[in-house]
């Protein structure tokens, strides 16, 4: 079974995150670049299965700038068998449509039985890539799973909903996305780090996938404006002089908070 896990390099959530006001893109230099935690958890799901199934092949895949290669290699150090890195200057700032079509083309090229992703990244937060991929690949999609069970020919899991839990399953090939309810990822050990240097690492450009970034059929949105978030305004301070409760109530009513 070939399992493709989508990972992404993102700005560290513990550092400063901001946009470049000239390009509208994330300022990647504002904080340390790390592998997104939800992608690591998705990789752990695949590796846990591979640990007990010798026929399982885990491939990490990412669409990212050239400098992200070192970050992607962490997936190899954790235990993935190979990596696919899609990098092209024309893909910088790609919208969700272009991103999904590019990843779908790379997934088809690589071949797959199962694609595992996080439910949403910590930088973009769109949360729609898994569904878009399933549509483009014409395979079933099980979203926001809080547990995953992989078997011969099927994948199943649970999804939390208001007032209950759903058990869902799909025939392979399929695309699934997971939530942070899944276990933390393993840490790469020294043996894994050294082995990662010798594992297959394929680098693809848009042309290798038959993707033309400037084609409006794949890039369907443009940025029209960007502005820095305004500083937070000072709050209203109420000093209780015997009428504090009344003044708070009036403030809440005036701001339609009650």
C-alpha atoms as a PDB file:
ATOM      1  CA  UNK A   1       0.000   0.000   0.000  1.00  0.00           C
ATOM      2  CA  UNK A   2       1.313   3.425  -0.947  1.00  0.00           C
ATOM      3  CA  UNK A   3       0.337   6.180   1.469  1.00  0.00           C
ATOM      4  CA  UNK A   4       1.013   9.809   0.571  1.00  0.00           C
ATOM      5  CA  UNK A   5       1.107  12.249   3.468  1.00  0.00           C
ATOM      6  CA  UNK A   6       0.846  15.954   2.704  1.00  0.00           C
ATOM      7  CA  UNK A   7       3.049  18.135   4.889  1.00  0.00           C
ATOM      8  CA  UNK A   8       3.675  21.867   4.899  1.00  0.00           C
ATOM      9  CA  UNK A   9       6.363  24.236   6.100  1.00  0.00           C
ATOM     10  CA  UNK A  10       4.756  27.022   8.146  1.00  0.00           C
ATOM     11  CA  UNK A  11       5.893  29.887  10.379  1.00  0.00           C
ATOM     12  CA  UNK A  12       6.333  28.714  13.958  1.00  0.00           C
ATOM     13  CA  UNK A  13       3.133  29.461  15.865  1.00  0.00           C
ATOM     14  CA  UNK A  14       5.227  30.483  18.876  1.00  0.00           C
ATOM     15  CA  UNK A  15       6.923  33.230  16.856  1.00  0.00           C
ATOM     16  CA  UNK A  16       5.689  36.403  15.230  1.00  0.00           C
ATOM     17  CA  UNK A  17       3.504  35.850  12.187  1.00  0.00           C
ATOM     18  CA  UNK A  18       2.704  38.608   9.727  1.00  0.00           C
ATOM     19  CA  UNK A  19       2.070  39.368   6.071  1.00  0.00           C
ATOM     20  CA  UNK A  20       4.340  41.154   3.652  1.00  0.00           C
ATOM     21  CA  UNK A  21       2.323  44.283   2.873  1.00  0.00           C
ATOM     22  CA  UNK A  22       3.849  44.564  -0.608  1.00  0.00           C
ATOM     23  CA  UNK A  23       3.195  41.039  -1.841  1.00  0.00           C
ATOM     24  CA  UNK A  24       0.346  39.958   0.427  1.00  0.00           C
ATOM     25  CA  UNK A  25       2.219  36.738   1.172  1.00  0.00           C
ATOM     26  CA  UNK A  26       3.219  35.418   4.556  1.00  0.00           C
ATOM     27  CA  UNK A  27       6.502  36.891   5.727  1.00  0.00           C
ATOM     28  CA  UNK A  28       8.409  33.641   6.136  1.00  0.00           C
ATOM     29  CA  UNK A  29      11.422  35.439   7.558  1.00  0.00           C
ATOM     30  CA  UNK A  30       9.461  36.831  10.504  1.00  0.00           C
ATOM     31  CA  UNK A  31       9.761  33.607  12.487  1.00  0.00           C
ATOM     32  CA  UNK A  32      11.356  30.176  12.361  1.00  0.00           C
ATOM     33  CA  UNK A  33      10.041  27.789   9.702  1.00  0.00           C
ATOM     34  CA  UNK A  34       8.778  24.439  11.004  1.00  0.00           C
ATOM     35  CA  UNK A  35       6.834  21.433   9.778  1.00  0.00           C
ATOM     36  CA  UNK A  36       3.174  22.011  10.559  1.00  0.00           C
ATOM     37  CA  UNK A  37       2.164  19.977  13.609  1.00  0.00           C
ATOM     38  CA  UNK A  38      -1.043  18.691  12.023  1.00  0.00           C
ATOM     39  CA  UNK A  39       1.017  17.372   9.099  1.00  0.00           C
ATOM     40  CA  UNK A  40       3.321  15.609  11.545  1.00  0.00           C
ATOM     41  CA  UNK A  41       0.307  13.968  13.173  1.00  0.00           C
ATOM     42  CA  UNK A  42      -0.930  12.840   9.741  1.00  0.00           C
ATOM     43  CA  UNK A  43       2.511  11.358   9.081  1.00  0.00           C
ATOM     44  CA  UNK A  44       2.394   9.548  12.424  1.00  0.00           C
ATOM     45  CA  UNK A  45      -0.865   7.857  11.365  1.00  0.00           C
ATOM     46  CA  UNK A  46       0.827   6.550   8.220  1.00  0.00           C
ATOM     47  CA  UNK A  47       4.035   5.516   9.992  1.00  0.00           C
ATOM     48  CA  UNK A  48       2.145   3.699  12.740  1.00  0.00           C
ATOM     49  CA  UNK A  49       0.460   1.610  10.055  1.00  0.00           C
ATOM     50  CA  UNK A  50       3.742   1.022   8.226  1.00  0.00           C
ATOM     51  CA  UNK A  51       5.396  -0.147  11.468  1.00  0.00           C
ATOM     52  CA  UNK A  52       3.260  -3.290  11.390  1.00  0.00           C
ATOM     53  CA  UNK A  53       2.803  -3.710   7.634  1.00  0.00           C
ATOM     54  CA  UNK A  54       5.920  -4.418   5.598  1.00  0.00           C
ATOM     55  CA  UNK A  55       4.102  -3.781   2.323  1.00  0.00           C
ATOM     56  CA  UNK A  56       3.293  -0.167   3.282  1.00  0.00           C
ATOM     57  CA  UNK A  57       5.241   2.647   1.596  1.00  0.00           C
ATOM     58  CA  UNK A  58       4.946   6.138   3.081  1.00  0.00           C
ATOM     59  CA  UNK A  59       5.696   9.155   0.889  1.00  0.00           C
ATOM     60  CA  UNK A  60       5.777  12.718   2.221  1.00  0.00           C
ATOM     61  CA  UNK A  61       4.747  15.374  -0.277  1.00  0.00           C
ATOM     62  CA  UNK A  62       4.804  19.148  -0.091  1.00  0.00           C
ATOM     63  CA  UNK A  63       4.364  22.149  -2.359  1.00  0.00           C
ATOM     64  CA  UNK A  64       6.743  24.768  -1.004  1.00  0.00           C
ATOM     65  CA  UNK A  65       9.606  27.121  -1.770  1.00  0.00           C
ATOM     66  CA  UNK A  66      12.998  25.623  -2.551  1.00  0.00           C
ATOM     67  CA  UNK A  67      14.325  26.512   0.910  1.00  0.00           C
ATOM     68  CA  UNK A  68      11.735  24.184   2.493  1.00  0.00           C
ATOM     69  CA  UNK A  69      13.674  21.084   1.418  1.00  0.00           C
ATOM     70  CA  UNK A  70      15.429  20.812   4.778  1.00  0.00           C
ATOM     71  CA  UNK A  71      12.122  20.989   6.632  1.00  0.00           C
ATOM     72  CA  UNK A  72      10.528  18.353   4.388  1.00  0.00           C
ATOM     73  CA  UNK A  73      13.453  16.033   5.070  1.00  0.00           C
ATOM     74  CA  UNK A  74      12.282  15.871   8.669  1.00  0.00           C
ATOM     75  CA  UNK A  75       9.494  13.629   7.387  1.00  0.00           C
ATOM     76  CA  UNK A  76      12.131  11.262   6.022  1.00  0.00           C
ATOM     77  CA  UNK A  77      13.981  11.340   9.336  1.00  0.00           C
ATOM     78  CA  UNK A  78      10.758  10.424  11.110  1.00  0.00           C
ATOM     79  CA  UNK A  79      10.451   7.306   8.948  1.00  0.00           C
ATOM     80  CA  UNK A  80       8.895   8.068   5.548  1.00  0.00           C
ATOM     81  CA  UNK A  81      10.420   6.075   2.684  1.00  0.00           C
ATOM     82  CA  UNK A  82      10.653   8.937   0.180  1.00  0.00           C
ATOM     83  CA  UNK A  83       9.686  12.548  -0.413  1.00  0.00           C
ATOM     84  CA  UNK A  84       8.262  14.628  -3.261  1.00  0.00           C
ATOM     85  CA  UNK A  85       8.903  18.372  -3.211  1.00  0.00           C
ATOM     86  CA  UNK A  86       6.987  20.528  -5.684  1.00  0.00           C
ATOM     87  CA  UNK A  87       8.723  23.869  -6.026  1.00  0.00           C
ATOM     88  CA  UNK A  88       8.404  26.515  -8.717  1.00  0.00           C
ATOM     89  CA  UNK A  89       8.651  30.338  -8.629  1.00  0.00           C
ATOM     90  CA  UNK A  90       5.369  30.497 -10.523  1.00  0.00           C
ATOM     91  CA  UNK A  91       3.591  28.731  -7.676  1.00  0.00           C
ATOM     92  CA  UNK A  92       4.525  31.335  -5.055  1.00  0.00           C
ATOM     93  CA  UNK A  93       1.340  32.677  -3.501  1.00  0.00           C
ATOM     94  CA  UNK A  94      -0.803  30.049  -5.234  1.00  0.00           C
ATOM     95  CA  UNK A  95      -4.487  30.175  -4.327  1.00  0.00           C
ATOM     96  CA  UNK A  96      -6.383  27.121  -3.102  1.00  0.00           C
ATOM     97  CA  UNK A  97      -7.471  26.120  -6.607  1.00  0.00           C
ATOM     98  CA  UNK A  98      -3.954  26.152  -8.034  1.00  0.00           C
ATOM     99  CA  UNK A  99      -2.556  24.443  -4.944  1.00  0.00           C
ATOM    100  CA  UNK A 100      -5.121  21.635  -5.131  1.00  0.00           C
ATOM    101  CA  UNK A 101      -4.629  21.053  -8.857  1.00  0.00           C
ATOM    102  CA  UNK A 102      -0.855  21.005  -8.512  1.00  0.00           C
ATOM    103  CA  UNK A 103      -0.918  18.577  -5.592  1.00  0.00           C
ATOM    104  CA  UNK A 104      -3.484  16.368  -7.350  1.00  0.00           C
ATOM    105  CA  UNK A 105      -1.238  16.185 -10.425  1.00  0.00           C
ATOM    106  CA  UNK A 106       1.748  15.219  -8.262  1.00  0.00           C
ATOM    107  CA  UNK A 107      -0.293  12.599  -6.406  1.00  0.00           C
ATOM    108  CA  UNK A 108      -1.436  11.029  -9.688  1.00  0.00           C
ATOM    109  CA  UNK A 109       2.146  11.019 -10.964  1.00  0.00           C
ATOM    110  CA  UNK A 110       3.435   9.345  -7.802  1.00  0.00           C
ATOM    111  CA  UNK A 111       0.587   6.873  -7.512  1.00  0.00           C
ATOM    112  CA  UNK A 112      -1.348   6.246  -4.295  1.00  0.00           C
ATOM    113  CA  UNK A 113      -3.735   4.071  -2.370  1.00  0.00           C
ATOM    114  CA  UNK A 114      -4.372   6.557   0.410  1.00  0.00           C
ATOM    115  CA  UNK A 115      -3.721  10.280   0.923  1.00  0.00           C
ATOM    116  CA  UNK A 116      -3.602  11.565   4.509  1.00  0.00           C
ATOM    117  CA  UNK A 117      -3.649  15.273   5.329  1.00  0.00           C
ATOM    118  CA  UNK A 118      -4.318  17.534   8.271  1.00  0.00           C
ATOM    119  CA  UNK A 119      -7.725  19.177   8.417  1.00  0.00           C
ATOM    120  CA  UNK A 120      -6.204  22.667   8.002  1.00  0.00           C
ATOM    121  CA  UNK A 121      -2.809  24.331   8.169  1.00  0.00           C
ATOM    122  CA  UNK A 122      -1.817  26.839  10.828  1.00  0.00           C
ATOM    123  CA  UNK A 123      -0.844  29.494   8.291  1.00  0.00           C
ATOM    124  CA  UNK A 124      -3.547  29.492   5.603  1.00  0.00           C
ATOM    125  CA  UNK A 125      -6.315  27.834   7.598  1.00  0.00           C
ATOM    126  CA  UNK A 126      -8.477  27.260   4.503  1.00  0.00           C
ATOM    127  CA  UNK A 127      -9.453  23.725   5.470  1.00  0.00           C
ATOM    128  CA  UNK A 128     -10.703  22.794   1.983  1.00  0.00           C
ATOM    129  CA  UNK A 129      -7.669  21.231   0.286  1.00  0.00           C
ATOM    130  CA  UNK A 130      -8.548  17.618   1.303  1.00  0.00           C
ATOM    131  CA  UNK A 131     -12.027  17.881  -0.215  1.00  0.00           C
ATOM    132  CA  UNK A 132     -10.700  19.596  -3.343  1.00  0.00           C
ATOM    133  CA  UNK A 133      -8.101  16.862  -3.803  1.00  0.00           C
ATOM    134  CA  UNK A 134     -10.708  14.126  -3.465  1.00  0.00           C
ATOM    135  CA  UNK A 135     -12.848  15.846  -6.084  1.00  0.00           C
ATOM    136  CA  UNK A 136      -9.944  16.256  -8.514  1.00  0.00           C
ATOM    137  CA  UNK A 137      -8.729  12.694  -7.958  1.00  0.00           C
ATOM    138  CA  UNK A 138     -12.311  11.339  -8.131  1.00  0.00           C
ATOM    139  CA  UNK A 139     -11.977   9.316  -4.927  1.00  0.00           C
ATOM    140  CA  UNK A 140     -13.897   9.193  -1.613  1.00  0.00           C
ATOM    141  CA  UNK A 141     -13.108  11.744   1.095  1.00  0.00           C
ATOM    142  CA  UNK A 142     -13.399  11.220   4.853  1.00  0.00           C
ATOM    143  CA  UNK A 143     -12.851  14.512   6.660  1.00  0.00           C
ATOM    144  CA  UNK A 144     -11.911  15.671  10.168  1.00  0.00           C
ATOM    145  CA  UNK A 145     -11.245  12.206  11.569  1.00  0.00           C
ATOM    146  CA  UNK A 146     -10.369  11.925  15.248  1.00  0.00           C
ATOM    147  CA  UNK A 147      -9.276   8.283  14.792  1.00  0.00           C
ATOM    148  CA  UNK A 148      -8.123   6.351  11.741  1.00  0.00           C
ATOM    149  CA  UNK A 149      -8.063   2.629  10.970  1.00  0.00           C
ATOM    150  CA  UNK A 150      -6.385   1.471   7.765  1.00  0.00           C
ATOM    151  CA  UNK A 151      -7.114  -2.007   6.432  1.00  0.00           C
ATOM    152  CA  UNK A 152      -6.701  -3.869   3.161  1.00  0.00           C
ATOM    153  CA  UNK A 153      -8.885  -1.997   0.692  1.00  0.00           C
ATOM    154  CA  UNK A 154     -10.568   0.326   3.188  1.00  0.00           C
ATOM    155  CA  UNK A 155      -9.991   3.221   5.560  1.00  0.00           C
ATOM    156  CA  UNK A 156     -12.308   4.108   8.419  1.00  0.00           C
ATOM    157  CA  UNK A 157     -12.462   6.366  11.432  1.00  0.00           C
ATOM    158  CA  UNK A 158     -14.538   8.492  13.756  1.00  0.00           C
ATOM    159  CA  UNK A 159     -15.627  12.083  13.429  1.00  0.00           C
ATOM    160  CA  UNK A 160     -16.949  14.168  16.308  1.00  0.00           C
ATOM    161  CA  UNK A 161     -20.193  16.041  15.634  1.00  0.00           C
ATOM    162  CA  UNK A 162     -22.596  17.994  17.811  1.00  0.00           C
ATOM    163  CA  UNK A 163     -24.172  15.558  20.215  1.00  0.00           C
ATOM    164  CA  UNK A 164     -22.400  12.438  19.035  1.00  0.00           C
ATOM    165  CA  UNK A 165     -19.737  10.619  17.063  1.00  0.00           C
ATOM    166  CA  UNK A 166     -19.917   9.359  13.491  1.00  0.00           C
ATOM    167  CA  UNK A 167     -18.155   6.240  12.251  1.00  0.00           C
ATOM    168  CA  UNK A 168     -17.248   6.629   8.579  1.00  0.00           C
ATOM    169  CA  UNK A 169     -15.481   4.385   6.097  1.00  0.00           C
ATOM    170  CA  UNK A 170     -14.397   4.492   2.474  1.00  0.00           C
ATOM    171  CA  UNK A 171     -13.002   2.167  -0.130  1.00  0.00           C
ATOM    172  CA  UNK A 172      -9.439   2.792  -1.269  1.00  0.00           C
ATOM    173  CA  UNK A 173      -8.100   4.769  -3.016  1.00  0.00           C
ATOM    174  CA  UNK A 174      -9.260   7.647  -0.840  1.00  0.00           C
ATOM    175  CA  UNK A 175      -8.318  10.949   0.781  1.00  0.00           C
ATOM    176  CA  UNK A 176      -8.692  11.464   4.539  1.00  0.00           C
ATOM    177  CA  UNK A 177      -7.997  14.432   6.787  1.00  0.00           C
ATOM    178  CA  UNK A 178      -7.296  14.236  10.502  1.00  0.00           C
ATOM    179  CA  UNK A 179      -7.669  16.540  13.495  1.00  0.00           C
ATOM    180  CA  UNK A 180      -5.418  17.277  16.449  1.00  0.00           C
ATOM    181  CA  UNK A 181      -7.190  14.517  18.382  1.00  0.00           C
ATOM    182  CA  UNK A 182      -4.709  12.098  16.821  1.00  0.00           C
ATOM    183  CA  UNK A 183      -1.488  11.315  18.766  1.00  0.00           C
ATOM    184  CA  UNK A 184       1.592  13.519  18.692  1.00  0.00           C
ATOM    185  CA  UNK A 185       4.210  12.589  16.123  1.00  0.00           C
ATOM    186  CA  UNK A 186       7.355  10.665  17.001  1.00  0.00           C
ATOM    187  CA  UNK A 187      10.682  12.468  17.237  1.00  0.00           C
ATOM    188  CA  UNK A 188      13.353  11.679  14.636  1.00  0.00           C
ATOM    189  CA  UNK A 189      16.221   9.733  16.205  1.00  0.00           C
ATOM    190  CA  UNK A 190      19.866   9.867  15.154  1.00  0.00           C
ATOM    191  CA  UNK A 191      19.540   6.738  13.021  1.00  0.00           C
ATOM    192  CA  UNK A 192      16.544   8.213  11.215  1.00  0.00           C
ATOM    193  CA  UNK A 193      18.293  11.538  10.610  1.00  0.00           C
ATOM    194  CA  UNK A 194      21.298   9.807   9.061  1.00  0.00           C
ATOM    195  CA  UNK A 195      19.118   7.476   6.969  1.00  0.00           C
ATOM    196  CA  UNK A 196      17.105  10.439   5.635  1.00  0.00           C
ATOM    197  CA  UNK A 197      20.139  11.686   3.733  1.00  0.00           C
ATOM    198  CA  UNK A 198      20.089   8.596   1.510  1.00  0.00           C
ATOM    199  CA  UNK A 199      16.343   8.294   0.925  1.00  0.00           C
ATOM    200  CA  UNK A 200      14.781   9.263  -2.437  1.00  0.00           C
ATOM    201  CA  UNK A 201      13.926  12.963  -2.610  1.00  0.00           C
ATOM    202  CA  UNK A 202      12.230  14.004  -5.856  1.00  0.00           C
ATOM    203  CA  UNK A 203      11.945  17.661  -6.801  1.00  0.00           C
ATOM    204  CA  UNK A 204       9.277  18.637  -9.340  1.00  0.00           C
ATOM    205  CA  UNK A 205       8.499  21.896 -11.131  1.00  0.00           C
ATOM    206  CA  UNK A 206       5.069  22.954 -12.363  1.00  0.00           C
ATOM    207  CA  UNK A 207       5.995  21.988 -15.933  1.00  0.00           C
ATOM    208  CA  UNK A 208       6.773  18.423 -14.794  1.00  0.00           C
ATOM    209  CA  UNK A 209       3.141  18.149 -13.735  1.00  0.00           C
ATOM    210  CA  UNK A 210       1.620  19.824 -16.775  1.00  0.00           C
ATOM    211  CA  UNK A 211       0.613  22.819 -14.675  1.00  0.00           C
ATOM    212  CA  UNK A 212       0.768  26.356 -16.036  1.00  0.00           C
ATOM    213  CA  UNK A 213       0.533  28.702 -13.022  1.00  0.00           C
ATOM    214  CA  UNK A 214      -0.683  31.635 -15.131  1.00  0.00           C
ATOM    215  CA  UNK A 215      -3.548  29.617 -16.604  1.00  0.00           C
ATOM    216  CA  UNK A 216      -6.756  31.172 -15.241  1.00  0.00           C
ATOM    217  CA  UNK A 217      -8.429  27.762 -15.253  1.00  0.00           C
ATOM    218  CA  UNK A 218      -6.239  26.686 -12.331  1.00  0.00           C
ATOM    219  CA  UNK A 219      -5.559  30.021 -10.601  1.00  0.00           C
ATOM    220  CA  UNK A 220      -9.048  31.304  -9.974  1.00  0.00           C
ATOM    221  CA  UNK A 221      -8.558  34.144  -7.492  1.00  0.00           C
ATOM    222  CA  UNK A 222      -6.462  37.275  -7.207  1.00  0.00           C
ATOM    223  CA  UNK A 223      -5.591  39.519  -4.284  1.00  0.00           C
ATOM    224  CA  UNK A 224      -7.175  42.952  -4.615  1.00  0.00           C
ATOM    225  CA  UNK A 225      -5.985  44.711  -1.452  1.00  0.00           C
ATOM    226  CA  UNK A 226      -4.084  44.190   1.775  1.00  0.00           C
ATOM    227  CA  UNK A 227      -3.742  46.308   4.890  1.00  0.00           C
ATOM    228  CA  UNK A 228      -2.052  45.896   8.226  1.00  0.00           C
ATOM    229  CA  UNK A 229      -4.298  44.946  11.093  1.00  0.00           C
ATOM    230  CA  UNK A 230      -5.104  48.124  13.049  1.00  0.00           C
ATOM    231  CA  UNK A 231      -3.813  48.339  16.613  1.00  0.00           C
ATOM    232  CA  UNK A 232      -6.242  47.273  19.278  1.00  0.00           C
ATOM    233  CA  UNK A 233      -8.201  50.223  20.629  1.00  0.00           C
ATOM    234  CA  UNK A 234      -8.193  50.941  24.349  1.00  0.00           C
ATOM    235  CA  UNK A 235     -11.085  49.383  26.206  1.00  0.00           C
ATOM    236  CA  UNK A 236     -13.715  51.148  28.260  1.00  0.00           C
ATOM    237  CA  UNK A 237     -12.854  51.311  31.955  1.00  0.00           C
ATOM    238  CA  UNK A 238     -15.765  51.411  34.375  1.00  0.00           C
ATOM    239  CA  UNK A 239     -15.118  52.464  37.951  1.00  0.00           C
ATOM    240  CA  UNK A 240     -17.806  51.292  40.315  1.00  0.00           C
ATOM    241  CA  UNK A 241     -19.291  54.217  42.175  1.00  0.00           C
ATOM    242  CA  UNK A 242     -22.405  52.328  43.206  1.00  0.00           C
ATOM    243  CA  UNK A 243     -23.809  52.164  39.668  1.00  0.00           C
ATOM    244  CA  UNK A 244     -21.206  49.827  38.155  1.00  0.00           C
ATOM    245  CA  UNK A 245     -23.690  47.064  37.377  1.00  0.00           C
ATOM    246  CA  UNK A 246     -26.020  49.444  35.565  1.00  0.00           C
ATOM    247  CA  UNK A 247     -23.191  50.957  33.531  1.00  0.00           C
ATOM    248  CA  UNK A 248     -21.903  47.523  32.498  1.00  0.00           C
ATOM    249  CA  UNK A 249     -25.387  46.483  31.434  1.00  0.00           C
ATOM    250  CA  UNK A 250     -25.779  49.684  29.408  1.00  0.00           C
ATOM    251  CA  UNK A 251     -22.407  49.097  27.743  1.00  0.00           C
ATOM    252  CA  UNK A 252     -23.351  45.533  26.778  1.00  0.00           C
ATOM    253  CA  UNK A 253     -26.712  46.646  25.389  1.00  0.00           C
ATOM    254  CA  UNK A 254     -25.171  49.551  23.471  1.00  0.00           C
ATOM    255  CA  UNK A 255     -22.666  47.207  21.804  1.00  0.00           C
ATOM    256  CA  UNK A 256     -25.300  44.533  21.167  1.00  0.00           C
ATOM    257  CA  UNK A 257     -23.495  42.007  23.290  1.00  0.00           C
ATOM    258  CA  UNK A 258     -26.648  40.849  25.027  1.00  0.00           C
END
